[in-house]
Amino acid sequence: MRLTIFGSTGRTGRQVLAEGIRRGHRITAFTRRPDTIADPAALAAVVAGDGRDPDAVRTAVADADAVVAIIAAASRKGPHHVADVARTVTDTMSATGVRRLVVTSVYPIVATKPRLPIALLKLVFADAYADCAAMEDIVSTSSLDWTIARLNRLTDKPPHGTFYTSRALLDRPFAITRTDAAAALLDIVKDETLAKTAINIAGTR
């Protein structure tokens, strides 16, 4: 597939690039930090820019079969631009005829248990979670073939090689490694049965 990856130089985005290259996809990496890409020669293209810039986004998604957007604030204090980027990406994709979008979100915004840890997370990350919720609303009301992939407790540990996905809330929301999350995202992007669906993703023991 011809894939455009937003957030390609973040900790999860780097894993998506590596796994996408391993699978033989032609990847365009969109980033504000092109100098941090380890092997740009392995990519079809690198587009430098801000995800809120329609011109830069249009360049990045041109001729793509699908887009994977891994967007997050730089820190808990922000700035929180996830919803703004999602609006630009969805509008630009609609205008250019690119239909398939997989965008990451955070599982705790819908989680209900374990009750105390989730309540504390929602308090500490209130602004970031509100931004993610607004992003989900923008994506889910677009005309695209979207999938919202809510990731749970990302870690930098070695991959397990397995993960769990569910449209329902997770009974046991185990942490997931970034490498396993990358594999999950690339599996999801080619699964047309998951269009217009939000799914929750966790690791396994």
N, C-alpha and C. Protein backbone atom coordinates (compact mmCIF):
# COMPACT_ATOMS: atom_id res chain seq x y z
N MET A 1 0.84 -1.20 0.00
CA MET A 1 0.00 0.00 0.00
C MET A 1 0.87 1.25 0.00
N ARG A 2 0.30 2.32 -0.49
CA ARG A 2 0.95 3.64 -0.39
C ARG A 2 0.36 4.30 0.85
N LEU A 3 1.19 4.41 1.89
CA LEU A 3 0.73 4.90 3.18
C LEU A 3 1.39 6.23 3.51
N THR A 4 0.61 7.14 4.07
CA THR A 4 1.15 8.37 4.63
C THR A 4 1.02 8.27 6.14
N ILE A 5 2.12 8.49 6.85
CA ILE A 5 2.14 8.37 8.30
C ILE A 5 2.36 9.74 8.92
N PHE A 6 1.37 10.23 9.66
CA PHE A 6 1.52 11.46 10.44
C PHE A 6 2.02 11.08 11.83
N GLY A 7 2.89 11.92 12.39
CA GLY A 7 3.51 11.58 13.67
C GLY A 7 4.57 10.52 13.51
N SER A 8 5.25 10.55 12.38
CA SER A 8 6.15 9.45 12.01
C SER A 8 7.46 9.45 12.77
N THR A 9 7.78 10.52 13.50
CA THR A 9 9.04 10.53 14.24
C THR A 9 8.81 10.47 15.75
N GLY A 10 7.56 10.27 16.17
CA GLY A 10 7.30 10.02 17.58
C GLY A 10 7.72 8.60 17.94
N ARG A 11 7.63 8.25 19.21
CA ARG A 11 8.10 6.94 19.65
C ARG A 11 7.30 5.80 19.02
N THR A 12 5.99 6.00 18.86
CA THR A 12 5.18 4.98 18.20
C THR A 12 5.31 5.09 16.68
N GLY A 13 5.33 6.31 16.18
CA GLY A 13 5.44 6.52 14.74
C GLY A 13 6.69 5.89 14.15
N ARG A 14 7.80 5.94 14.87
CA ARG A 14 9.03 5.31 14.37
C ARG A 14 8.86 3.81 14.21
N GLN A 15 8.10 3.21 15.12
CA GLN A 15 7.85 1.77 15.02
C GLN A 15 6.94 1.45 13.83
N VAL A 16 5.98 2.34 13.55
CA VAL A 16 5.10 2.15 12.40
C VAL A 16 5.91 2.24 11.10
N LEU A 17 6.81 3.20 11.03
CA LEU A 17 7.67 3.31 9.85
C LEU A 17 8.48 2.02 9.65
N ALA A 18 9.11 1.55 10.71
CA ALA A 18 9.96 0.37 10.59
C ALA A 18 9.16 -0.86 10.18
N GLU A 19 8.00 -1.05 10.80
CA GLU A 19 7.18 -2.21 10.47
C GLU A 19 6.57 -2.09 9.07
N GLY A 20 6.19 -0.86 8.70
CA GLY A 20 5.64 -0.66 7.37
C GLY A 20 6.66 -0.94 6.29
N ILE A 21 7.90 -0.52 6.50
CA ILE A 21 8.97 -0.82 5.55
C ILE A 21 9.21 -2.32 5.48
N ARG A 22 9.21 -2.98 6.65
CA ARG A 22 9.43 -4.43 6.68
C ARG A 22 8.35 -5.17 5.88
N ARG A 23 7.12 -4.63 5.90
CA ARG A 23 6.01 -5.27 5.19
C ARG A 23 5.97 -4.91 3.71
N GLY A 24 6.84 -4.01 3.30
CA GLY A 24 6.91 -3.68 1.88
C GLY A 24 6.01 -2.55 1.43
N HIS A 25 5.45 -1.78 2.35
CA HIS A 25 4.62 -0.65 1.97
C HIS A 25 5.49 0.51 1.46
N ARG A 26 4.90 1.33 0.59
CA ARG A 26 5.56 2.56 0.13
C ARG A 26 5.08 3.68 1.04
N ILE A 27 5.98 4.23 1.83
CA ILE A 27 5.57 5.11 2.92
C ILE A 27 6.06 6.54 2.71
N THR A 28 5.13 7.46 2.90
CA THR A 28 5.47 8.88 3.01
C THR A 28 5.38 9.26 4.48
N ALA A 29 6.47 9.77 5.02
CA ALA A 29 6.52 10.17 6.42
C ALA A 29 6.28 11.67 6.52
N PHE A 30 5.29 12.05 7.34
CA PHE A 30 5.02 13.46 7.61
C PHE A 30 5.52 13.77 9.02
N THR A 31 6.33 14.81 9.14
CA THR A 31 6.92 15.12 10.44
C THR A 31 7.34 16.57 10.50
N ARG A 32 7.41 17.08 11.72
CA ARG A 32 8.00 18.41 11.94
C ARG A 32 9.50 18.31 12.15
N ARG A 33 10.02 17.08 12.24
CA ARG A 33 11.44 16.88 12.52
C ARG A 33 12.04 15.89 11.53
N PRO A 34 12.15 16.27 10.27
CA PRO A 34 12.66 15.32 9.27
C PRO A 34 14.08 14.87 9.52
N ASP A 35 14.85 15.67 10.22
CA ASP A 35 16.25 15.32 10.48
C ASP A 35 16.39 14.15 11.44
N THR A 36 15.30 13.75 12.12
CA THR A 36 15.38 12.65 13.07
C THR A 36 15.01 11.30 12.45
N ILE A 37 14.66 11.28 11.18
CA ILE A 37 14.35 10.01 10.51
C ILE A 37 15.64 9.26 10.24
N ALA A 38 15.70 8.02 10.73
CA ALA A 38 16.96 7.27 10.70
C ALA A 38 17.37 6.88 9.29
N ASP A 39 16.41 6.47 8.45
CA ASP A 39 16.76 5.97 7.12
C ASP A 39 15.79 6.52 6.08
N PRO A 40 15.90 7.79 5.73
CA PRO A 40 14.95 8.38 4.78
C PRO A 40 14.98 7.72 3.41
N ALA A 41 16.09 7.10 3.04
CA ALA A 41 16.19 6.46 1.74
C ALA A 41 15.25 5.26 1.61
N ALA A 42 14.83 4.70 2.75
CA ALA A 42 13.92 3.56 2.73
C ALA A 42 12.47 3.98 2.51
N LEU A 43 12.21 5.28 2.52
CA LEU A 43 10.85 5.79 2.39
C LEU A 43 10.59 6.30 0.98
N ALA A 44 9.32 6.33 0.60
CA ALA A 44 8.96 6.90 -0.70
C ALA A 44 9.15 8.40 -0.69
N ALA A 45 8.87 9.04 0.45
CA ALA A 45 9.02 10.50 0.55
C ALA A 45 8.99 10.91 2.01
N VAL A 46 9.55 12.07 2.28
CA VAL A 46 9.46 12.70 3.60
C VAL A 46 8.91 14.10 3.38
N VAL A 47 7.83 14.42 4.07
CA VAL A 47 7.23 15.75 3.98
C VAL A 47 7.35 16.42 5.34
N ALA A 48 8.01 17.55 5.38
CA ALA A 48 8.18 18.30 6.62
C ALA A 48 7.09 19.35 6.72
N GLY A 49 6.48 19.47 7.89
CA GLY A 49 5.46 20.48 8.05
C GLY A 49 4.66 20.29 9.32
N ASP A 50 3.71 21.17 9.50
CA ASP A 50 2.79 21.16 10.63
C ASP A 50 1.48 20.54 10.16
N GLY A 51 0.93 19.64 10.95
CA GLY A 51 -0.31 18.96 10.57
C GLY A 51 -1.51 19.86 10.48
N ARG A 52 -1.38 21.11 10.90
CA ARG A 52 -2.49 22.06 10.77
C ARG A 52 -2.39 22.88 9.49
N ASP A 53 -1.35 22.62 8.69
CA ASP A 53 -1.12 23.36 7.44
C ASP A 53 -1.73 22.58 6.28
N PRO A 54 -2.83 23.05 5.70
CA PRO A 54 -3.50 22.30 4.63
C PRO A 54 -2.61 22.02 3.43
N ASP A 55 -1.73 22.95 3.07
CA ASP A 55 -0.87 22.75 1.91
C ASP A 55 0.13 21.61 2.15
N ALA A 56 0.73 21.59 3.34
CA ALA A 56 1.67 20.53 3.66
C ALA A 56 0.97 19.18 3.74
N VAL A 57 -0.22 19.17 4.33
CA VAL A 57 -0.98 17.92 4.44
C VAL A 57 -1.39 17.42 3.06
N ARG A 58 -1.79 18.34 2.18
CA ARG A 58 -2.17 17.95 0.82
C ARG A 58 -1.00 17.30 0.08
N THR A 59 0.18 17.86 0.25
CA THR A 59 1.37 17.26 -0.37
C THR A 59 1.61 15.86 0.16
N ALA A 60 1.41 15.68 1.45
CA ALA A 60 1.71 14.39 2.08
C ALA A 60 0.73 13.30 1.69
N VAL A 61 -0.54 13.63 1.53
CA VAL A 61 -1.55 12.58 1.26
C VAL A 61 -1.80 12.35 -0.22
N ALA A 62 -1.20 13.18 -1.08
CA ALA A 62 -1.42 13.01 -2.51
C ALA A 62 -1.06 11.59 -2.95
N ASP A 63 -2.01 10.95 -3.62
CA ASP A 63 -1.82 9.60 -4.18
C ASP A 63 -1.72 8.50 -3.13
N ALA A 64 -2.02 8.79 -1.87
CA ALA A 64 -1.97 7.75 -0.84
C ALA A 64 -3.17 6.82 -0.95
N ASP A 65 -2.95 5.56 -0.62
CA ASP A 65 -4.06 4.61 -0.49
C ASP A 65 -4.72 4.76 0.88
N ALA A 66 -3.93 5.15 1.86
CA ALA A 66 -4.45 5.26 3.23
C ALA A 66 -3.53 6.15 4.05
N VAL A 67 -4.07 6.63 5.16
CA VAL A 67 -3.33 7.50 6.08
C VAL A 67 -3.41 6.90 7.48
N VAL A 68 -2.28 6.88 8.16
CA VAL A 68 -2.24 6.52 9.58
C VAL A 68 -1.76 7.75 10.34
N ALA A 69 -2.58 8.23 11.27
CA ALA A 69 -2.25 9.45 12.01
C ALA A 69 -2.03 9.11 13.48
N ILE A 70 -0.81 9.33 13.93
CA ILE A 70 -0.43 9.08 15.32
C ILE A 70 -0.07 10.43 15.91
N ILE A 71 -1.05 11.10 16.45
CA ILE A 71 -0.87 12.50 16.85
C ILE A 71 -1.06 12.60 18.36
N ALA A 72 -0.15 13.29 19.01
CA ALA A 72 -0.26 13.48 20.45
C ALA A 72 0.43 14.77 20.85
N ALA A 73 0.04 15.29 21.99
CA ALA A 73 0.70 16.48 22.52
C ALA A 73 2.12 16.13 22.95
N ALA A 74 2.99 17.11 22.90
CA ALA A 74 4.39 16.87 23.28
C ALA A 74 4.53 16.55 24.76
N SER A 75 3.62 17.05 25.58
CA SER A 75 3.66 16.80 27.02
C SER A 75 2.25 16.93 27.59
N ARG A 76 2.09 16.58 28.86
CA ARG A 76 0.78 16.69 29.51
C ARG A 76 0.25 18.11 29.46
N LYS A 77 1.14 19.08 29.52
CA LYS A 77 0.72 20.48 29.54
C LYS A 77 0.42 21.03 28.15
N GLY A 78 0.67 20.22 27.13
CA GLY A 78 0.34 20.66 25.78
C GLY A 78 1.53 21.28 25.07
N PRO A 79 1.26 22.06 24.03
CA PRO A 79 -0.07 22.45 23.55
C PRO A 79 -0.84 21.27 22.94
N HIS A 80 -2.16 21.35 23.04
CA HIS A 80 -3.02 20.27 22.61
C HIS A 80 -3.64 20.63 21.26
N HIS A 81 -3.08 20.02 20.21
CA HIS A 81 -3.48 20.35 18.84
C HIS A 81 -4.05 19.14 18.09
N VAL A 82 -4.35 18.06 18.80
CA VAL A 82 -4.79 16.84 18.14
C VAL A 82 -6.06 17.08 17.33
N ALA A 83 -7.03 17.76 17.91
CA ALA A 83 -8.29 18.01 17.20
C ALA A 83 -8.06 18.91 15.99
N ASP A 84 -7.19 19.91 16.13
CA ASP A 84 -6.92 20.81 15.01
C ASP A 84 -6.27 20.06 13.85
N VAL A 85 -5.32 19.19 14.17
CA VAL A 85 -4.68 18.39 13.12
C VAL A 85 -5.68 17.46 12.47
N ALA A 86 -6.52 16.83 13.27
CA ALA A 86 -7.53 15.91 12.72
C ALA A 86 -8.47 16.62 11.77
N ARG A 87 -8.85 17.83 12.11
CA ARG A 87 -9.75 18.59 11.22
C ARG A 87 -9.07 18.87 9.89
N THR A 88 -7.81 19.28 9.92
CA THR A 88 -7.09 19.56 8.68
C THR A 88 -6.90 18.29 7.86
N VAL A 89 -6.52 17.20 8.51
CA VAL A 89 -6.29 15.94 7.80
C VAL A 89 -7.57 15.41 7.17
N THR A 90 -8.66 15.39 7.92
CA THR A 90 -9.91 14.86 7.38
C THR A 90 -10.45 15.74 6.26
N ASP A 91 -10.37 17.04 6.42
CA ASP A 91 -10.84 17.95 5.36
C ASP A 91 -10.01 17.76 4.09
N THR A 92 -8.70 17.65 4.25
CA THR A 92 -7.82 17.52 3.09
C THR A 92 -8.01 16.17 2.41
N MET A 93 -8.14 15.12 3.19
CA MET A 93 -8.39 13.81 2.61
C MET A 93 -9.71 13.79 1.84
N SER A 94 -10.74 14.39 2.39
CA SER A 94 -12.03 14.43 1.70
C SER A 94 -11.90 15.19 0.39
N ALA A 95 -11.15 16.28 0.40
CA ALA A 95 -11.01 17.11 -0.81
C ALA A 95 -10.18 16.42 -1.88
N THR A 96 -9.26 15.54 -1.47
CA THR A 96 -8.36 14.90 -2.44
C THR A 96 -8.80 13.48 -2.80
N GLY A 97 -9.86 12.99 -2.18
CA GLY A 97 -10.38 11.67 -2.53
C GLY A 97 -9.68 10.51 -1.87
N VAL A 98 -8.86 10.77 -0.85
CA VAL A 98 -8.22 9.68 -0.10
C VAL A 98 -9.19 9.27 1.00
N ARG A 99 -9.59 8.00 1.03
CA ARG A 99 -10.71 7.58 1.87
C ARG A 99 -10.30 6.94 3.20
N ARG A 100 -9.24 6.16 3.22
CA ARG A 100 -8.96 5.31 4.39
C ARG A 100 -8.08 6.04 5.39
N LEU A 101 -8.57 6.14 6.63
CA LEU A 101 -7.86 6.81 7.71
C LEU A 101 -7.90 5.95 8.96
N VAL A 102 -6.73 5.72 9.55
CA VAL A 102 -6.64 5.13 10.88
C VAL A 102 -5.97 6.17 11.77
N VAL A 103 -6.62 6.53 12.85
CA VAL A 103 -6.09 7.55 13.75
C VAL A 103 -6.05 6.99 15.17
N THR A 104 -4.97 7.26 15.87
CA THR A 104 -4.84 6.75 17.24
C THR A 104 -5.50 7.69 18.24
N SER A 105 -6.03 7.09 19.28
CA SER A 105 -6.57 7.83 20.40
C SER A 105 -6.11 7.10 21.67
N VAL A 106 -6.70 7.47 22.80
CA VAL A 106 -6.28 6.88 24.08
C VAL A 106 -7.46 6.15 24.72
N TYR A 107 -7.22 4.93 25.14
CA TYR A 107 -8.29 4.12 25.71
C TYR A 107 -8.93 4.71 26.97
N PRO A 108 -8.18 5.34 27.88
CA PRO A 108 -8.80 5.83 29.11
C PRO A 108 -9.95 6.81 28.91
N ILE A 109 -10.08 7.44 27.75
CA ILE A 109 -11.20 8.39 27.61
C ILE A 109 -12.56 7.68 27.58
N VAL A 110 -12.55 6.37 27.32
CA VAL A 110 -13.82 5.63 27.35
C VAL A 110 -13.83 4.57 28.45
N ALA A 111 -12.69 4.31 29.08
CA ALA A 111 -12.60 3.24 30.07
C ALA A 111 -13.40 3.57 31.33
N THR A 112 -13.87 2.53 31.99
CA THR A 112 -14.60 2.69 33.25
C THR A 112 -13.94 1.94 34.40
N LYS A 113 -13.01 1.04 34.09
CA LYS A 113 -12.32 0.29 35.15
C LYS A 113 -10.89 -0.02 34.71
N PRO A 114 -10.02 -0.17 35.70
CA PRO A 114 -10.24 -0.03 37.15
C PRO A 114 -10.61 1.40 37.54
N ARG A 115 -11.61 1.53 38.38
CA ARG A 115 -12.26 2.82 38.60
C ARG A 115 -11.34 3.91 39.12
N LEU A 116 -10.59 3.62 40.17
CA LEU A 116 -9.75 4.66 40.77
C LEU A 116 -8.62 5.10 39.84
N PRO A 117 -7.84 4.18 39.27
CA PRO A 117 -6.79 4.63 38.34
C PRO A 117 -7.34 5.41 37.15
N ILE A 118 -8.47 4.98 36.60
CA ILE A 118 -9.05 5.70 35.46
C ILE A 118 -9.51 7.09 35.88
N ALA A 119 -10.11 7.21 37.06
CA ALA A 119 -10.55 8.52 37.55
C ALA A 119 -9.35 9.45 37.73
N LEU A 120 -8.24 8.92 38.24
CA LEU A 120 -7.05 9.74 38.42
C LEU A 120 -6.46 10.16 37.08
N LEU A 121 -6.42 9.25 36.13
CA LEU A 121 -5.92 9.60 34.80
C LEU A 121 -6.76 10.70 34.16
N LYS A 122 -8.07 10.57 34.27
CA LYS A 122 -8.94 11.57 33.67
C LYS A 122 -8.79 12.94 34.34
N LEU A 123 -8.41 12.95 35.61
CA LEU A 123 -8.16 14.21 36.30
C LEU A 123 -6.83 14.81 35.87
N VAL A 124 -5.79 14.01 35.86
CA VAL A 124 -4.45 14.51 35.55
C VAL A 124 -4.33 14.93 34.08
N PHE A 125 -4.95 14.16 33.20
CA PHE A 125 -4.82 14.41 31.76
C PHE A 125 -6.10 15.00 31.17
N ALA A 126 -6.80 15.78 31.96
CA ALA A 126 -8.11 16.31 31.54
C ALA A 126 -8.04 17.06 30.21
N ASP A 127 -7.07 17.95 30.06
CA ASP A 127 -6.98 18.74 28.83
C ASP A 127 -6.63 17.87 27.63
N ALA A 128 -5.67 16.97 27.81
CA ALA A 128 -5.26 16.10 26.71
C ALA A 128 -6.41 15.18 26.30
N TYR A 129 -7.13 14.64 27.27
CA TYR A 129 -8.23 13.74 26.96
C TYR A 129 -9.39 14.48 26.30
N ALA A 130 -9.63 15.72 26.71
CA ALA A 130 -10.67 16.52 26.05
C ALA A 130 -10.31 16.77 24.59
N ASP A 131 -9.03 17.00 24.34
CA ASP A 131 -8.56 17.20 22.97
C ASP A 131 -8.75 15.93 22.15
N CYS A 132 -8.43 14.77 22.73
CA CYS A 132 -8.63 13.49 22.03
C CYS A 132 -10.10 13.22 21.77
N ALA A 133 -10.96 13.55 22.73
CA ALA A 133 -12.39 13.34 22.53
C ALA A 133 -12.92 14.21 21.40
N ALA A 134 -12.44 15.45 21.33
CA ALA A 134 -12.83 16.34 20.23
C ALA A 134 -12.33 15.80 18.91
N MET A 135 -11.12 15.26 18.90
CA MET A 135 -10.58 14.65 17.69
C MET A 135 -11.45 13.49 17.23
N GLU A 136 -11.84 12.63 18.17
CA GLU A 136 -12.69 11.49 17.81
C GLU A 136 -14.01 11.95 17.20
N ASP A 137 -14.57 13.02 17.72
CA ASP A 137 -15.82 13.54 17.17
C ASP A 137 -15.63 14.04 15.73
N ILE A 138 -14.52 14.73 15.49
CA ILE A 138 -14.22 15.23 14.14
C ILE A 138 -14.07 14.07 13.17
N VAL A 139 -13.30 13.06 13.57
CA VAL A 139 -13.04 11.92 12.68
C VAL A 139 -14.32 11.11 12.44
N SER A 140 -15.07 10.84 13.50
CA SER A 140 -16.24 9.96 13.37
C SER A 140 -17.41 10.61 12.64
N THR A 141 -17.40 11.92 12.52
CA THR A 141 -18.46 12.60 11.77
C THR A 141 -18.01 12.96 10.36
N SER A 142 -16.80 12.56 9.98
CA SER A 142 -16.32 12.81 8.62
C SER A 142 -16.92 11.76 7.68
N SER A 143 -16.76 11.99 6.40
CA SER A 143 -17.27 11.06 5.39
C SER A 143 -16.26 9.99 5.03
N LEU A 144 -15.12 9.96 5.70
CA LEU A 144 -14.03 9.04 5.36
C LEU A 144 -14.32 7.62 5.86
N ASP A 145 -13.54 6.68 5.38
CA ASP A 145 -13.57 5.31 5.90
C ASP A 145 -12.57 5.25 7.06
N TRP A 146 -12.98 5.74 8.19
CA TRP A 146 -12.10 5.95 9.33
C TRP A 146 -12.17 4.77 10.29
N THR A 147 -11.07 4.59 11.02
CA THR A 147 -11.05 3.73 12.19
C THR A 147 -10.29 4.47 13.28
N ILE A 148 -10.90 4.57 14.45
CA ILE A 148 -10.23 5.15 15.62
C ILE A 148 -9.66 3.99 16.42
N ALA A 149 -8.36 4.00 16.61
CA ALA A 149 -7.66 2.94 17.33
C ALA A 149 -7.22 3.48 18.69
N ARG A 150 -7.93 3.09 19.74
CA ARG A 150 -7.61 3.57 21.08
C ARG A 150 -6.57 2.65 21.71
N LEU A 151 -5.39 3.20 21.97
CA LEU A 151 -4.28 2.42 22.51
C LEU A 151 -4.23 2.54 24.03
N ASN A 152 -3.81 1.48 24.68
CA ASN A 152 -3.78 1.45 26.14
C ASN A 152 -2.37 1.26 26.66
N ARG A 153 -1.89 2.20 27.45
CA ARG A 153 -0.64 2.08 28.21
C ARG A 153 0.53 1.61 27.34
N LEU A 154 0.97 2.49 26.49
CA LEU A 154 2.09 2.15 25.60
C LEU A 154 3.40 2.06 26.38
N THR A 155 4.20 1.05 26.03
CA THR A 155 5.51 0.88 26.66
C THR A 155 6.58 0.71 25.58
N ASP A 156 7.82 0.88 25.99
CA ASP A 156 8.96 0.70 25.09
C ASP A 156 9.64 -0.66 25.28
N LYS A 157 8.94 -1.59 25.89
CA LYS A 157 9.50 -2.93 26.12
C LYS A 157 9.57 -3.71 24.81
N PRO A 158 10.31 -4.82 24.80
CA PRO A 158 10.35 -5.67 23.61
C PRO A 158 8.96 -6.18 23.26
N PRO A 159 8.69 -6.40 21.98
CA PRO A 159 7.35 -6.81 21.57
C PRO A 159 6.98 -8.21 22.07
N HIS A 160 5.68 -8.39 22.36
CA HIS A 160 5.16 -9.71 22.69
C HIS A 160 4.84 -10.48 21.41
N GLY A 161 4.53 -9.73 20.36
CA GLY A 161 4.12 -10.36 19.11
C GLY A 161 2.64 -10.64 19.05
N THR A 162 1.91 -10.27 20.10
CA THR A 162 0.46 -10.45 20.13
C THR A 162 -0.19 -9.21 20.73
N PHE A 163 -1.45 -9.01 20.41
CA PHE A 163 -2.22 -7.90 20.99
C PHE A 163 -3.70 -8.28 20.92
N TYR A 164 -4.52 -7.50 21.62
CA TYR A 164 -5.94 -7.80 21.70
C TYR A 164 -6.72 -6.58 21.24
N THR A 165 -7.72 -6.79 20.38
CA THR A 165 -8.56 -5.69 19.91
C THR A 165 -10.02 -6.02 20.18
N SER A 166 -10.80 -5.00 20.49
CA SER A 166 -12.22 -5.20 20.78
C SER A 166 -12.99 -3.91 20.51
N ARG A 167 -14.20 -4.06 19.98
CA ARG A 167 -15.07 -2.90 19.85
C ARG A 167 -15.72 -2.55 21.18
N ALA A 168 -15.74 -3.52 22.09
CA ALA A 168 -16.29 -3.30 23.43
C ALA A 168 -15.17 -2.82 24.36
N LEU A 169 -15.56 -2.39 25.56
CA LEU A 169 -14.56 -2.01 26.55
C LEU A 169 -13.74 -3.23 26.94
N LEU A 170 -12.51 -3.00 27.33
CA LEU A 170 -11.58 -4.08 27.64
C LEU A 170 -11.80 -4.58 29.06
N ASP A 171 -11.91 -5.90 29.21
CA ASP A 171 -12.06 -6.48 30.54
C ASP A 171 -10.76 -6.35 31.33
N ARG A 172 -9.64 -6.60 30.66
CA ARG A 172 -8.33 -6.52 31.32
C ARG A 172 -7.39 -5.71 30.43
N PRO A 173 -7.36 -4.41 30.63
CA PRO A 173 -6.58 -3.53 29.73
C PRO A 173 -5.08 -3.56 30.02
N PHE A 174 -4.42 -4.61 29.51
CA PHE A 174 -2.98 -4.72 29.69
C PHE A 174 -2.25 -3.69 28.84
N ALA A 175 -1.06 -3.33 29.28
CA ALA A 175 -0.20 -2.44 28.50
C ALA A 175 0.18 -3.10 27.19
N ILE A 176 0.47 -2.28 26.18
CA ILE A 176 0.89 -2.78 24.87
C ILE A 176 2.20 -2.11 24.48
N THR A 177 3.11 -2.87 23.92
CA THR A 177 4.37 -2.29 23.48
C THR A 177 4.13 -1.47 22.21
N ARG A 178 4.98 -0.50 22.00
CA ARG A 178 4.84 0.34 20.80
C ARG A 178 5.05 -0.47 19.52
N THR A 179 5.92 -1.47 19.58
CA THR A 179 6.13 -2.32 18.41
C THR A 179 4.87 -3.12 18.08
N ASP A 180 4.23 -3.68 19.10
CA ASP A 180 2.98 -4.41 18.87
C ASP A 180 1.87 -3.46 18.42
N ALA A 181 1.85 -2.26 18.97
CA ALA A 181 0.86 -1.27 18.54
C ALA A 181 1.04 -0.93 17.07
N ALA A 182 2.29 -0.81 16.62
CA ALA A 182 2.55 -0.53 15.21
C ALA A 182 2.01 -1.64 14.33
N ALA A 183 2.23 -2.89 14.73
CA ALA A 183 1.70 -4.01 13.96
C ALA A 183 0.19 -3.97 13.92
N ALA A 184 -0.43 -3.64 15.05
CA ALA A 184 -1.89 -3.55 15.09
C ALA A 184 -2.42 -2.48 14.14
N LEU A 185 -1.79 -1.32 14.12
CA LEU A 185 -2.24 -0.23 13.26
C LEU A 185 -2.13 -0.61 11.79
N LEU A 186 -1.06 -1.29 11.42
CA LEU A 186 -0.88 -1.67 10.02
C LEU A 186 -1.80 -2.82 9.63
N ASP A 187 -2.17 -3.67 10.58
CA ASP A 187 -3.20 -4.67 10.31
C ASP A 187 -4.55 -4.01 10.09
N ILE A 188 -4.85 -3.03 10.93
CA ILE A 188 -6.15 -2.36 10.88
C ILE A 188 -6.34 -1.59 9.57
N VAL A 189 -5.27 -0.94 9.10
CA VAL A 189 -5.43 -0.06 7.95
C VAL A 189 -5.85 -0.83 6.70
N LYS A 190 -5.51 -2.11 6.61
CA LYS A 190 -5.88 -2.89 5.44
C LYS A 190 -7.18 -3.68 5.64
N ASP A 191 -7.79 -3.56 6.81
CA ASP A 191 -9.02 -4.30 7.13
C ASP A 191 -10.23 -3.39 6.91
N GLU A 192 -10.85 -3.52 5.76
CA GLU A 192 -11.96 -2.65 5.41
C GLU A 192 -13.20 -2.90 6.27
N THR A 193 -13.28 -4.04 6.94
CA THR A 193 -14.44 -4.31 7.80
C THR A 193 -14.43 -3.44 9.05
N LEU A 194 -13.30 -2.80 9.32
CA LEU A 194 -13.21 -1.94 10.51
C LEU A 194 -13.48 -0.48 10.20
N ALA A 195 -13.89 -0.19 8.96
CA ALA A 195 -14.20 1.20 8.61
C ALA A 195 -15.39 1.70 9.42
N LYS A 196 -15.30 2.96 9.81
CA LYS A 196 -16.34 3.65 10.60
C LYS A 196 -16.58 2.96 11.94
N THR A 197 -15.45 2.57 12.55
CA THR A 197 -15.50 1.86 13.82
C THR A 197 -14.39 2.38 14.74
N ALA A 198 -14.70 2.45 16.03
CA ALA A 198 -13.68 2.72 17.05
C ALA A 198 -13.38 1.41 17.75
N ILE A 199 -12.10 1.05 17.84
CA ILE A 199 -11.72 -0.19 18.50
C ILE A 199 -10.69 0.10 19.58
N ASN A 200 -10.70 -0.75 20.59
CA ASN A 200 -9.82 -0.61 21.73
C ASN A 200 -8.74 -1.69 21.66
N ILE A 201 -7.50 -1.30 21.90
CA ILE A 201 -6.35 -2.19 21.69
C ILE A 201 -5.51 -2.25 22.96
N ALA A 202 -5.18 -3.47 23.34
CA ALA A 202 -4.34 -3.67 24.53
C ALA A 202 -3.36 -4.79 24.25
N GLY A 203 -2.39 -4.92 25.12
CA GLY A 203 -1.44 -6.00 25.02
C GLY A 203 -1.99 -7.27 25.63
N THR A 204 -1.19 -8.31 25.59
CA THR A 204 -1.54 -9.59 26.20
C THR A 204 -0.41 -10.03 27.11
N ARG A 205 -0.73 -10.91 28.05
CA ARG A 205 0.31 -11.44 28.92
C ARG A 205 0.98 -12.64 28.29
